[in-house]
């Protein structure tokens, strides 16, 4: 099946079998993008971001002045 990934669809009106192919291609593109997002969101580097941000916040926290 031809994918025509990331293609601009400039199709004439009235050919319904072509539109069915367009809908199928769009759904396949959406599926591919969702798979890529899923891979990125489960990456250990991405999952470590909250811990890294918390460490930065703690390391850059203002210190209290000691009373003399």
Protein backbone atom coordinates (compact mmCIF):
# COMPACT_ATOMS: atom_id res chain seq x y z
CA UNK A 1 0.00 0.00 0.00
CA UNK A 2 1.36 3.40 -0.94
CA UNK A 3 1.82 5.56 2.11
CA UNK A 4 2.40 9.07 0.70
CA UNK A 5 3.76 10.02 4.10
CA UNK A 6 3.75 13.77 4.85
CA UNK A 7 2.22 14.50 1.46
CA UNK A 8 0.06 17.45 0.55
CA UNK A 9 -3.22 16.08 -0.74
CA UNK A 10 -4.44 18.07 -3.76
CA UNK A 11 -7.14 15.79 -5.13
CA UNK A 12 -10.06 16.48 -7.47
CA UNK A 13 -13.60 16.44 -6.06
CA UNK A 14 -15.94 13.50 -6.52
CA UNK A 15 -13.62 10.46 -6.44
CA UNK A 16 -14.66 8.78 -3.20
CA UNK A 17 -12.26 5.82 -3.48
CA UNK A 18 -9.40 8.32 -3.46
CA UNK A 19 -10.75 10.00 -0.31
CA UNK A 20 -10.90 6.62 1.41
CA UNK A 21 -7.21 6.26 0.64
CA UNK A 22 -6.55 9.75 2.00
CA UNK A 23 -8.35 8.94 5.26
CA UNK A 24 -6.40 5.71 5.60
CA UNK A 25 -3.09 7.51 4.94
CA UNK A 26 -3.94 10.21 7.48
CA UNK A 27 -4.75 7.61 10.12
CA UNK A 28 -1.47 5.81 9.39
CA UNK A 29 0.45 9.10 9.74
CA UNK A 30 -1.28 9.78 13.07
CA UNK A 31 -0.42 6.25 14.21
CA UNK A 32 3.24 6.77 13.28
CA UNK A 33 3.37 10.07 15.17
CA UNK A 34 1.76 8.49 18.24
CA UNK A 35 4.27 5.65 18.16
CA UNK A 36 7.12 8.15 18.00
CA UNK A 37 5.67 10.12 20.94
CA UNK A 38 5.27 6.92 22.90
CA UNK A 39 8.93 6.03 22.26
CA UNK A 40 10.03 9.50 23.37
CA UNK A 41 7.85 9.59 26.47
CA UNK A 42 9.17 6.24 27.67
CA UNK A 43 12.80 7.20 27.10
CA UNK A 44 14.85 7.16 30.33
CA UNK A 45 16.19 10.64 29.53
CA UNK A 46 12.66 12.03 29.34
CA UNK A 47 11.56 10.23 32.49
CA UNK A 48 14.57 11.62 34.37
CA UNK A 49 13.66 15.26 33.64
CA UNK A 50 11.50 15.81 36.79
CA UNK A 51 14.30 14.52 39.03
CA UNK A 52 16.85 16.72 37.27
CA UNK A 53 14.61 19.77 37.60
CA UNK A 54 14.07 19.05 41.27
CA UNK A 55 17.84 18.76 41.83
CA UNK A 56 18.38 22.08 40.04
CA UNK A 57 15.68 23.70 42.18
CA UNK A 58 17.27 22.42 45.39
CA UNK A 59 20.79 23.44 44.31
CA UNK A 60 19.74 26.95 43.35
CA UNK A 61 17.60 27.59 46.41
CA UNK A 62 18.45 30.77 48.28
CA UNK A 63 20.25 30.15 51.50
CA UNK A 64 18.96 31.73 54.69
CA UNK A 65 21.17 34.32 56.27
CA UNK A 66 22.39 33.17 59.64
CA UNK A 67 21.48 35.37 62.57
CA UNK A 68 24.45 36.57 64.56
